[in-house]
Amino acid sequence: MKQELVEIFLSHQWVTIPIFILLVIGVTLCWFGGLVAALTALGNKRWLWGIASIVLGPITGLPYALIHREAEYARSLMVKGLALFLAGLLAAAIVWLAFR
C-alpha cells in the first residue's frame, strides 16, 4: 500500500508538486493565524488563551478566533489555511484514486 502510494505520486509529479504546495500554504496560514490569535488574546489580557495558542497554534487559536470578535483577522487566516489544506488533501485523494 505504501509502496503503491509512493509510486503513484512519483510517477505523476506534475500534479504532486501543486498539491504539496497547497498543503504547505494551508498549514502555514493555519499556524500563522494561530500565532496572530495568540497575540490578539495576549493583547486583550486573556492569558490562558494566549499562552495556549502560542504552544498549540491553530488547535486553540481557531476556537478563540471563533468565539471572540476581535480576532477576525486570525480567523480569516485560519479558515483560508484550513480550506487550502483540505483542498490539497482532497486533490491528493482524487489523484490516488484516479491513478491506482
PDB file of N, CA and C in Angstrom:
ATOM      1  N   MET A   1       0.830  -1.192   0.000  1.00  0.00           N
ATOM      2  CA  MET A   1       0.000   0.000   0.000  1.00  0.00           C
ATOM      3  C   MET A   1       0.874   1.255   0.000  1.00  0.00           C
ATOM      4  N   LYS A   2       1.851   1.307   0.921  1.00  0.00           N
ATOM      5  CA  LYS A   2       2.710   2.485   0.981  1.00  0.00           C
ATOM      6  C   LYS A   2       3.556   2.597  -0.284  1.00  0.00           C
ATOM      7  N   GLN A   3       4.060   1.476  -0.751  1.00  0.00           N
ATOM      8  CA  GLN A   3       4.881   1.472  -1.969  1.00  0.00           C
ATOM      9  C   GLN A   3       4.052   1.919  -3.170  1.00  0.00           C
ATOM     10  N   GLU A   4       2.813   1.477  -3.238  1.00  0.00           N
ATOM     11  CA  GLU A   4       1.924   1.863  -4.335  1.00  0.00           C
ATOM     12  C   GLU A   4       1.650   3.362  -4.306  1.00  0.00           C
ATOM     13  N   LEU A   5       1.425   3.900  -3.110  1.00  0.00           N
ATOM     14  CA  LEU A   5       1.171   5.336  -2.964  1.00  0.00           C
ATOM     15  C   LEU A   5       2.379   6.152  -3.408  1.00  0.00           C
ATOM     16  N   VAL A   6       3.561   5.749  -3.008  1.00  0.00           N
ATOM     17  CA  VAL A   6       4.787   6.456  -3.396  1.00  0.00           C
ATOM     18  C   VAL A   6       4.981   6.378  -4.909  1.00  0.00           C
ATOM     19  N   GLU A   7       4.751   5.220  -5.499  1.00  0.00           N
ATOM     20  CA  GLU A   7       4.910   5.076  -6.950  1.00  0.00           C
ATOM     21  C   GLU A   7       3.935   5.957  -7.720  1.00  0.00           C
ATOM     22  N   ILE A   8       2.704   6.048  -7.241  1.00  0.00           N
ATOM     23  CA  ILE A   8       1.703   6.881  -7.919  1.00  0.00           C
ATOM     24  C   ILE A   8       2.120   8.342  -7.890  1.00  0.00           C
ATOM     25  N   PHE A   9       2.499   8.832  -6.718  1.00  0.00           N
ATOM     26  CA  PHE A   9       2.823  10.250  -6.616  1.00  0.00           C
ATOM     27  C   PHE A   9       4.161  10.587  -7.269  1.00  0.00           C
ATOM     28  N   LEU A  10       5.086   9.656  -7.326  1.00  0.00           N
ATOM     29  CA  LEU A  10       6.349   9.916  -8.018  1.00  0.00           C
ATOM     30  C   LEU A  10       6.191   9.859  -9.532  1.00  0.00           C
ATOM     31  N   SER A  11       5.297   9.016 -10.016  1.00  0.00           N
ATOM     32  CA  SER A  11       5.096   8.939 -11.458  1.00  0.00           C
ATOM     33  C   SER A  11       4.218  10.070 -11.994  1.00  0.00           C
ATOM     34  N   HIS A  12       3.525  10.759 -11.114  1.00  0.00           N
ATOM     35  CA  HIS A  12       2.668  11.883 -11.532  1.00  0.00           C
ATOM     36  C   HIS A  12       3.080  13.150 -10.785  1.00  0.00           C
ATOM     37  N   GLN A  13       4.352  13.515 -10.951  1.00  0.00           N
ATOM     38  CA  GLN A  13       4.862  14.678 -10.229  1.00  0.00           C
ATOM     39  C   GLN A  13       4.254  15.986 -10.705  1.00  0.00           C
ATOM     40  N   TRP A  14       3.736  16.022 -11.910  1.00  0.00           N
ATOM     41  CA  TRP A  14       3.128  17.234 -12.427  1.00  0.00           C
ATOM     42  C   TRP A  14       1.915  17.654 -11.607  1.00  0.00           C
ATOM     43  N   VAL A  15       1.308  16.716 -10.906  1.00  0.00           N
ATOM     44  CA  VAL A  15       0.172  17.049 -10.054  1.00  0.00           C
ATOM     45  C   VAL A  15       0.540  16.970  -8.567  1.00  0.00           C
ATOM     46  N   THR A  16       1.584  16.222  -8.255  1.00  0.00           N
ATOM     47  CA  THR A  16       2.005  16.089  -6.857  1.00  0.00           C
ATOM     48  C   THR A  16       2.581  17.386  -6.313  1.00  0.00           C
ATOM     49  N   ILE A  17       3.377  18.067  -7.108  1.00  0.00           N
ATOM     50  CA  ILE A  17       4.018  19.305  -6.633  1.00  0.00           C
ATOM     51  C   ILE A  17       2.989  20.399  -6.332  1.00  0.00           C
ATOM     52  N   PRO A  18       2.003  20.677  -7.201  1.00  0.00           N
ATOM     53  CA  PRO A  18       0.984  21.669  -6.819  1.00  0.00           C
ATOM     54  C   PRO A  18       0.159  21.266  -5.594  1.00  0.00           C
ATOM     55  N   ILE A  19      -0.104  19.977  -5.447  1.00  0.00           N
ATOM     56  CA  ILE A  19      -0.831  19.508  -4.257  1.00  0.00           C
ATOM     57  C   ILE A  19       0.004  19.766  -3.012  1.00  0.00           C
ATOM     58  N   PHE A  20       1.293  19.465  -3.079  1.00  0.00           N
ATOM     59  CA  PHE A  20       2.184  19.702  -1.950  1.00  0.00           C
ATOM     60  C   PHE A  20       2.253  21.191  -1.623  1.00  0.00           C
ATOM     61  N   ILE A  21       2.274  22.041  -2.636  1.00  0.00           N
ATOM     62  CA  ILE A  21       2.295  23.489  -2.408  1.00  0.00           C
ATOM     63  C   ILE A  21       1.018  23.936  -1.706  1.00  0.00           C
ATOM     64  N   LEU A  22      -0.128  23.416  -2.126  1.00  0.00           N
ATOM     65  CA  LEU A  22      -1.403  23.728  -1.458  1.00  0.00           C
ATOM     66  C   LEU A  22      -1.377  23.324   0.015  1.00  0.00           C
ATOM     67  N   LEU A  23      -0.867  22.128   0.277  1.00  0.00           N
ATOM     68  CA  LEU A  23      -0.805  21.648   1.660  1.00  0.00           C
ATOM     69  C   LEU A  23       0.109  22.527   2.516  1.00  0.00           C
ATOM     70  N   VAL A  24       1.258  22.891   1.982  1.00  0.00           N
ATOM     71  CA  VAL A  24       2.215  23.705   2.744  1.00  0.00           C
ATOM     72  C   VAL A  24       1.660  25.098   3.005  1.00  0.00           C
ATOM     73  N   ILE A  25       1.056  25.708   2.007  1.00  0.00           N
ATOM     74  CA  ILE A  25       0.477  27.042   2.203  1.00  0.00           C
ATOM     75  C   ILE A  25      -0.662  26.969   3.213  1.00  0.00           C
ATOM     76  N   GLY A  26      -1.475  25.933   3.150  1.00  0.00           N
ATOM     77  CA  GLY A  26      -2.571  25.779   4.103  1.00  0.00           C
ATOM     78  C   GLY A  26      -2.084  25.642   5.529  1.00  0.00           C
ATOM     79  N   VAL A  27      -1.080  24.794   5.744  1.00  0.00           N
ATOM     80  CA  VAL A  27      -0.534  24.609   7.097  1.00  0.00           C
ATOM     81  C   VAL A  27       0.108  25.907   7.597  1.00  0.00           C
ATOM     82  N   THR A  28       0.819  26.600   6.716  1.00  0.00           N
ATOM     83  CA  THR A  28       1.463  27.859   7.100  1.00  0.00           C
ATOM     84  C   THR A  28       0.439  28.907   7.514  1.00  0.00           C
ATOM     85  N   LEU A  29      -0.623  29.039   6.740  1.00  0.00           N
ATOM     86  CA  LEU A  29      -1.671  30.012   7.096  1.00  0.00           C
ATOM     87  C   LEU A  29      -2.347  29.646   8.414  1.00  0.00           C
ATOM     88  N   CYS A  30      -2.577  28.364   8.628  1.00  0.00           N
ATOM     89  CA  CYS A  30      -3.181  27.941   9.901  1.00  0.00           C
ATOM     90  C   CYS A  30      -2.287  28.290  11.084  1.00  0.00           C
ATOM     91  N   TRP A  31      -1.003  27.986  10.996  1.00  0.00           N
ATOM     92  CA  TRP A  31      -0.096  28.273  12.111  1.00  0.00           C
ATOM     93  C   TRP A  31       0.097  29.767  12.305  1.00  0.00           C
ATOM     94  N   PHE A  32       0.205  30.520  11.215  1.00  0.00           N
ATOM     95  CA  PHE A  32       0.342  31.968  11.344  1.00  0.00           C
ATOM     96  C   PHE A  32      -0.921  32.569  11.958  1.00  0.00           C
ATOM     97  N   GLY A  33      -2.080  32.073  11.557  1.00  0.00           N
ATOM     98  CA  GLY A  33      -3.337  32.527  12.155  1.00  0.00           C
ATOM     99  C   GLY A  33      -3.413  32.192  13.635  1.00  0.00           C
ATOM    100  N   GLY A  34      -2.897  31.031  14.011  1.00  0.00           N
ATOM    101  CA  GLY A  34      -2.860  30.665  15.429  1.00  0.00           C
ATOM    102  C   GLY A  34      -1.980  31.604  16.232  1.00  0.00           C
ATOM    103  N   LEU A  35      -0.850  32.001  15.658  1.00  0.00           N
ATOM    104  CA  LEU A  35       0.032  32.943  16.353  1.00  0.00           C
ATOM    105  C   LEU A  35      -0.566  34.347  16.418  1.00  0.00           C
ATOM    106  N   VAL A  36      -1.279  34.750  15.371  1.00  0.00           N
ATOM    107  CA  VAL A  36      -1.973  36.045  15.414  1.00  0.00           C
ATOM    108  C   VAL A  36      -3.080  36.010  16.463  1.00  0.00           C
ATOM    109  N   ALA A  37      -3.770  34.889  16.570  1.00  0.00           N
ATOM    110  CA  ALA A  37      -4.794  34.742  17.612  1.00  0.00           C
ATOM    111  C   ALA A  37      -4.161  34.815  18.996  1.00  0.00           C
ATOM    112  N   ALA A  38      -2.971  34.233  19.157  1.00  0.00           N
ATOM    113  CA  ALA A  38      -2.278  34.295  20.445  1.00  0.00           C
ATOM    114  C   ALA A  38      -1.913  35.730  20.786  1.00  0.00           C
ATOM    115  N   LEU A  39      -1.413  36.472  19.825  1.00  0.00           N
ATOM    116  CA  LEU A  39      -1.078  37.878  20.072  1.00  0.00           C
ATOM    117  C   LEU A  39      -2.317  38.696  20.398  1.00  0.00           C
ATOM    118  N   THR A  40      -3.412  38.424  19.714  1.00  0.00           N
ATOM    119  CA  THR A  40      -4.666  39.118  19.995  1.00  0.00           C
ATOM    120  C   THR A  40      -5.155  38.801  21.399  1.00  0.00           C
ATOM    121  N   ALA A  41      -5.079  37.537  21.773  1.00  0.00           N
ATOM    122  CA  ALA A  41      -5.522  37.133  23.114  1.00  0.00           C
ATOM    123  C   ALA A  41      -4.646  37.769  24.188  1.00  0.00           C
ATOM    124  N   LEU A  42      -3.345  37.761  23.985  1.00  0.00           N
ATOM    125  CA  LEU A  42      -2.449  38.371  24.974  1.00  0.00           C
ATOM    126  C   LEU A  42      -2.655  39.879  25.054  1.00  0.00           C
ATOM    127  N   GLY A  43      -2.918  40.507  23.902  1.00  0.00           N
ATOM    128  CA  GLY A  43      -3.184  41.944  23.895  1.00  0.00           C
ATOM    129  C   GLY A  43      -4.467  42.314  24.617  1.00  0.00           C
ATOM    130  N   ASN A  44      -5.414  41.406  24.645  1.00  0.00           N
ATOM    131  CA  ASN A  44      -6.677  41.642  25.339  1.00  0.00           C
ATOM    132  C   ASN A  44      -6.689  41.048  26.744  1.00  0.00           C
ATOM    133  N   LYS A  45      -5.523  40.677  27.242  1.00  0.00           N
ATOM    134  CA  LYS A  45      -5.331  40.146  28.591  1.00  0.00           C
ATOM    135  C   LYS A  45      -6.120  38.865  28.852  1.00  0.00           C
ATOM    136  N   ARG A  46      -6.207  38.051  27.843  1.00  0.00           N
ATOM    137  CA  ARG A  46      -6.758  36.698  28.003  1.00  0.00           C
ATOM    138  C   ARG A  46      -5.571  35.741  28.001  1.00  0.00           C
ATOM    139  N   TRP A  47      -4.920  35.663  29.153  1.00  0.00           N
ATOM    140  CA  TRP A  47      -3.628  34.994  29.286  1.00  0.00           C
ATOM    141  C   TRP A  47      -3.705  33.509  28.968  1.00  0.00           C
ATOM    142  N   LEU A  48      -4.737  32.840  29.426  1.00  0.00           N
ATOM    143  CA  LEU A  48      -4.841  31.401  29.193  1.00  0.00           C
ATOM    144  C   LEU A  48      -4.966  31.089  27.701  1.00  0.00           C
ATOM    145  N   TRP A  49      -5.827  31.824  27.024  1.00  0.00           N
ATOM    146  CA  TRP A  49      -5.973  31.635  25.580  1.00  0.00           C
ATOM    147  C   TRP A  49      -4.669  31.955  24.858  1.00  0.00           C
ATOM    148  N   GLY A  50      -4.028  33.028  25.261  1.00  0.00           N
ATOM    149  CA  GLY A  50      -2.794  33.448  24.588  1.00  0.00           C
ATOM    150  C   GLY A  50      -1.668  32.446  24.729  1.00  0.00           C
ATOM    151  N   ILE A  51      -1.434  31.982  25.931  1.00  0.00           N
ATOM    152  CA  ILE A  51      -0.346  31.023  26.155  1.00  0.00           C
ATOM    153  C   ILE A  51      -0.664  29.684  25.493  1.00  0.00           C
ATOM    154  N   ALA A  52      -1.911  29.264  25.599  1.00  0.00           N
ATOM    155  CA  ALA A  52      -2.294  28.006  24.945  1.00  0.00           C
ATOM    156  C   ALA A  52      -2.159  28.110  23.425  1.00  0.00           C
ATOM    157  N   SER A  53      -2.476  29.265  22.865  1.00  0.00           N
ATOM    158  CA  SER A  53      -2.366  29.440  21.414  1.00  0.00           C
ATOM    159  C   SER A  53      -0.922  29.541  20.956  1.00  0.00           C
ATOM    160  N   ILE A  54      -0.043  30.054  21.809  1.00  0.00           N
ATOM    161  CA  ILE A  54       1.376  30.072  21.447  1.00  0.00           C
ATOM    162  C   ILE A  54       1.894  28.639  21.349  1.00  0.00           C
ATOM    163  N   VAL A  55       1.520  27.814  22.306  1.00  0.00           N
ATOM    164  CA  VAL A  55       2.025  26.438  22.347  1.00  0.00           C
ATOM    165  C   VAL A  55       1.341  25.558  21.306  1.00  0.00           C
ATOM    166  N   LEU A  56       0.025  25.652  21.198  1.00  0.00           N
ATOM    167  CA  LEU A  56      -0.735  24.729  20.352  1.00  0.00           C
ATOM    168  C   LEU A  56      -1.129  25.291  18.992  1.00  0.00           C
ATOM    169  N   GLY A  57      -0.884  26.573  18.752  1.00  0.00           N
ATOM    170  CA  GLY A  57      -1.158  27.175  17.453  1.00  0.00           C
ATOM    171  C   GLY A  57      -2.630  27.166  17.091  1.00  0.00           C
ATOM    172  N   PRO A  58      -2.957  26.633  15.916  1.00  0.00           N
ATOM    173  CA  PRO A  58      -4.341  26.693  15.446  1.00  0.00           C
ATOM    174  C   PRO A  58      -5.302  25.783  16.206  1.00  0.00           C
ATOM    175  N   ILE A  59      -4.782  24.857  16.983  1.00  0.00           N
ATOM    176  CA  ILE A  59      -5.681  23.967  17.736  1.00  0.00           C
ATOM    177  C   ILE A  59      -6.491  24.770  18.746  1.00  0.00           C
ATOM    178  N   THR A  60      -5.872  25.727  19.411  1.00  0.00           N
ATOM    179  CA  THR A  60      -6.605  26.600  20.330  1.00  0.00           C
ATOM    180  C   THR A  60      -6.875  27.969  19.725  1.00  0.00           C
ATOM    181  N   GLY A  61      -6.118  28.341  18.699  1.00  0.00           N
ATOM    182  CA  GLY A  61      -6.321  29.643  18.071  1.00  0.00           C
ATOM    183  C   GLY A  61      -7.635  29.747  17.328  1.00  0.00           C
ATOM    184  N   LEU A  62      -8.027  28.681  16.650  1.00  0.00           N
ATOM    185  CA  LEU A  62      -9.284  28.711  15.909  1.00  0.00           C
ATOM    186  C   LEU A  62     -10.501  28.827  16.820  1.00  0.00           C
ATOM    187  N   PRO A  63     -10.598  28.047  17.901  1.00  0.00           N
ATOM    188  CA  PRO A  63     -11.735  28.261  18.799  1.00  0.00           C
ATOM    189  C   PRO A  63     -11.758  29.672  19.399  1.00  0.00           C
ATOM    190  N   TYR A  64     -10.573  30.190  19.756  1.00  0.00           N
ATOM    191  CA  TYR A  64     -10.528  31.557  20.284  1.00  0.00           C
ATOM    192  C   TYR A  64     -11.030  32.555  19.240  1.00  0.00           C
ATOM    193  N   ALA A  65     -10.572  32.396  18.002  1.00  0.00           N
ATOM    194  CA  ALA A  65     -10.974  33.325  16.952  1.00  0.00           C
ATOM    195  C   ALA A  65     -12.456  33.194  16.611  1.00  0.00           C
ATOM    196  N   LEU A  66     -13.020  32.016  16.772  1.00  0.00           N
ATOM    197  CA  LEU A  66     -14.445  31.850  16.502  1.00  0.00           C
ATOM    198  C   LEU A  66     -15.309  32.414  17.630  1.00  0.00           C
ATOM    199  N   ILE A  67     -14.789  32.417  18.852  1.00  0.00           N
ATOM    200  CA  ILE A  67     -15.552  32.906  19.997  1.00  0.00           C
ATOM    201  C   ILE A  67     -15.494  34.423  20.121  1.00  0.00           C
ATOM    202  N   HIS A  68     -14.306  34.989  19.923  1.00  0.00           N
ATOM    203  CA  HIS A  68     -14.104  36.429  20.178  1.00  0.00           C
ATOM    204  C   HIS A  68     -14.017  37.192  18.860  1.00  0.00           C
ATOM    205  N   ARG A  69     -14.783  38.266  18.778  1.00  0.00           N
ATOM    206  CA  ARG A  69     -14.889  39.036  17.541  1.00  0.00           C
ATOM    207  C   ARG A  69     -13.628  39.794  17.183  1.00  0.00           C
ATOM    208  N   GLU A  70     -12.820  40.154  18.180  1.00  0.00           N
ATOM    209  CA  GLU A  70     -11.643  40.973  17.884  1.00  0.00           C
ATOM    210  C   GLU A  70     -10.556  40.191  17.143  1.00  0.00           C
ATOM    211  N   ALA A  71     -10.698  38.892  17.040  1.00  0.00           N
ATOM    212  CA  ALA A  71      -9.708  38.053  16.346  1.00  0.00           C
ATOM    213  C   ALA A  71     -10.172  37.714  14.929  1.00  0.00           C
ATOM    214  N   GLU A  72     -10.795  38.671  14.254  1.00  0.00           N
ATOM    215  CA  GLU A  72     -11.336  38.418  12.924  1.00  0.00           C
ATOM    216  C   GLU A  72     -10.234  38.113  11.903  1.00  0.00           C
ATOM    217  N   TYR A  73      -9.109  38.837  11.981  1.00  0.00           N
ATOM    218  CA  TYR A  73      -8.009  38.596  11.048  1.00  0.00           C
ATOM    219  C   TYR A  73      -7.425  37.195  11.241  1.00  0.00           C
ATOM    220  N   ALA A  74      -7.229  36.795  12.484  1.00  0.00           N
ATOM    221  CA  ALA A  74      -6.712  35.455  12.766  1.00  0.00           C
ATOM    222  C   ALA A  74      -7.689  34.390  12.264  1.00  0.00           C
ATOM    223  N   ARG A  75      -8.973  34.629  12.462  1.00  0.00           N
ATOM    224  CA  ARG A  75      -9.988  33.678  11.991  1.00  0.00           C
ATOM    225  C   ARG A  75      -9.932  33.547  10.466  1.00  0.00           C
ATOM    226  N   SER A  76      -9.807  34.681   9.771  1.00  0.00           N
ATOM    227  CA  SER A  76      -9.771  34.614   8.309  1.00  0.00           C
ATOM    228  C   SER A  76      -8.530  33.866   7.823  1.00  0.00           C
ATOM    229  N   LEU A  77      -7.396  34.061   8.487  1.00  0.00           N
ATOM    230  CA  LEU A  77      -6.183  33.330   8.101  1.00  0.00           C
ATOM    231  C   LEU A  77      -6.355  31.828   8.313  1.00  0.00           C
ATOM    232  N   MET A  78      -6.882  31.455   9.475  1.00  0.00           N
ATOM    233  CA  MET A  78      -7.006  30.027   9.773  1.00  0.00           C
ATOM    234  C   MET A  78      -8.063  29.346   8.912  1.00  0.00           C
ATOM    235  N   VAL A  79      -9.147  30.029   8.611  1.00  0.00           N
ATOM    236  CA  VAL A  79     -10.190  29.430   7.762  1.00  0.00           C
ATOM    237  C   VAL A  79      -9.663  29.249   6.335  1.00  0.00           C
ATOM    238  N   LYS A  80      -8.944  30.262   5.826  1.00  0.00           N
ATOM    239  CA  LYS A  80      -8.361  30.125   4.483  1.00  0.00           C
ATOM    240  C   LYS A  80      -7.311  29.023   4.459  1.00  0.00           C
ATOM    241  N   GLY A  81      -6.501  28.951   5.497  1.00  0.00           N
ATOM    242  CA  GLY A  81      -5.492  27.899   5.572  1.00  0.00           C
ATOM    243  C   GLY A  81      -6.111  26.521   5.656  1.00  0.00           C
ATOM    244  N   LEU A  82      -7.150  26.398   6.451  1.00  0.00           N
ATOM    245  CA  LEU A  82      -7.840  25.115   6.564  1.00  0.00           C
ATOM    246  C   LEU A  82      -8.484  24.721   5.238  1.00  0.00           C
ATOM    247  N   ALA A  83      -9.049  25.706   4.534  1.00  0.00           N
ATOM    248  CA  ALA A  83      -9.657  25.418   3.240  1.00  0.00           C
ATOM    249  C   ALA A  83      -8.607  24.942   2.227  1.00  0.00           C
ATOM    250  N   LEU A  84      -7.450  25.600   2.200  1.00  0.00           N
ATOM    251  CA  LEU A  84      -6.389  25.171   1.285  1.00  0.00           C
ATOM    252  C   LEU A  84      -5.859  23.783   1.653  1.00  0.00           C
ATOM    253  N   PHE A  85      -5.695  23.549   2.954  1.00  0.00           N
ATOM    254  CA  PHE A  85      -5.201  22.244   3.406  1.00  0.00           C
ATOM    255  C   PHE A  85      -6.178  21.132   3.030  1.00  0.00           C
ATOM    256  N   LEU A  86      -7.460  21.360   3.266  1.00  0.00           N
ATOM    257  CA  LEU A  86      -8.463  20.344   2.925  1.00  0.00           C
ATOM    258  C   LEU A  86      -8.580  20.153   1.419  1.00  0.00           C
ATOM    259  N   ALA A  87      -8.420  21.246   0.652  1.00  0.00           N
ATOM    260  CA  ALA A  87      -8.438  21.120  -0.808  1.00  0.00           C
ATOM    261  C   ALA A  87      -7.250  20.293  -1.285  1.00  0.00           C
ATOM    262  N   GLY A  88      -6.089  20.484  -0.671  1.00  0.00           N
ATOM    263  CA  GLY A  88      -4.924  19.682  -1.021  1.00  0.00           C
ATOM    264  C   GLY A  88      -5.108  18.216  -0.683  1.00  0.00           C
ATOM    265  N   LEU A  89      -5.687  17.943   0.484  1.00  0.00           N
ATOM    266  CA  LEU A  89      -5.961  16.542   0.852  1.00  0.00           C
ATOM    267  C   LEU A  89      -6.965  15.905  -0.097  1.00  0.00           C
ATOM    268  N   LEU A  90      -7.982  16.657  -0.468  1.00  0.00           N
ATOM    269  CA  LEU A  90      -8.980  16.135  -1.402  1.00  0.00           C
ATOM    270  C   LEU A  90      -8.352  15.863  -2.767  1.00  0.00           C
ATOM    271  N   ALA A  91      -7.510  16.783  -3.227  1.00  0.00           N
ATOM    272  CA  ALA A  91      -6.835  16.582  -4.512  1.00  0.00           C
ATOM    273  C   ALA A  91      -5.909  15.375  -4.458  1.00  0.00           C
ATOM    274  N   ALA A  92      -5.202  15.192  -3.357  1.00  0.00           N
ATOM    275  CA  ALA A  92      -4.324  14.028  -3.215  1.00  0.00           C
ATOM    276  C   ALA A  92      -5.136  12.737  -3.236  1.00  0.00           C
ATOM    277  N   ALA A  93      -6.281  12.737  -2.587  1.00  0.00           N
ATOM    278  CA  ALA A  93      -7.132  11.546  -2.588  1.00  0.00           C
ATOM    279  C   ALA A  93      -7.677  11.256  -3.981  1.00  0.00           C
ATOM    280  N   ILE A  94      -8.046  12.295  -4.706  1.00  0.00           N
ATOM    281  CA  ILE A  94      -8.561  12.105  -6.073  1.00  0.00           C
ATOM    282  C   ILE A  94      -7.470  11.547  -6.977  1.00  0.00           C
ATOM    283  N   VAL A  95      -6.251  12.098  -6.862  1.00  0.00           N
ATOM    284  CA  VAL A  95      -5.140  11.593  -7.679  1.00  0.00           C
ATOM    285  C   VAL A  95      -4.860  10.134  -7.345  1.00  0.00           C
ATOM    286  N   TRP A  96      -4.854   9.819  -6.071  1.00  0.00           N
ATOM    287  CA  TRP A  96      -4.571   8.439  -5.670  1.00  0.00           C
ATOM    288  C   TRP A  96      -5.641   7.488  -6.203  1.00  0.00           C
ATOM    289  N   LEU A  97      -6.904   7.894  -6.110  1.00  0.00           N
ATOM    290  CA  LEU A  97      -7.978   7.024  -6.598  1.00  0.00           C
ATOM    291  C   LEU A  97      -8.007   6.941  -8.122  1.00  0.00           C
ATOM    292  N   ALA A  98      -7.637   8.024  -8.799  1.00  0.00           N
ATOM    293  CA  ALA A  98      -7.703   8.049 -10.252  1.00  0.00           C
ATOM    294  C   ALA A  98      -6.587   7.237 -10.909  1.00  0.00           C
ATOM    295  N   PHE A  99      -5.423   7.197 -10.289  1.00  0.00           N
ATOM    296  CA  PHE A  99      -4.272   6.571 -10.940  1.00  0.00           C
ATOM    297  C   PHE A  99      -3.854   5.239 -10.333  1.00  0.00           C
ATOM    298  N   ARG A 100      -4.640   4.666  -9.466  1.00  0.00           N
ATOM    299  CA  ARG A 100      -4.205   3.373  -8.917  1.00  0.00           C
ATOM    300  C   ARG A 100      -4.753   2.225  -9.702  1.00  0.00           C
TER     301      ARG A 100
END
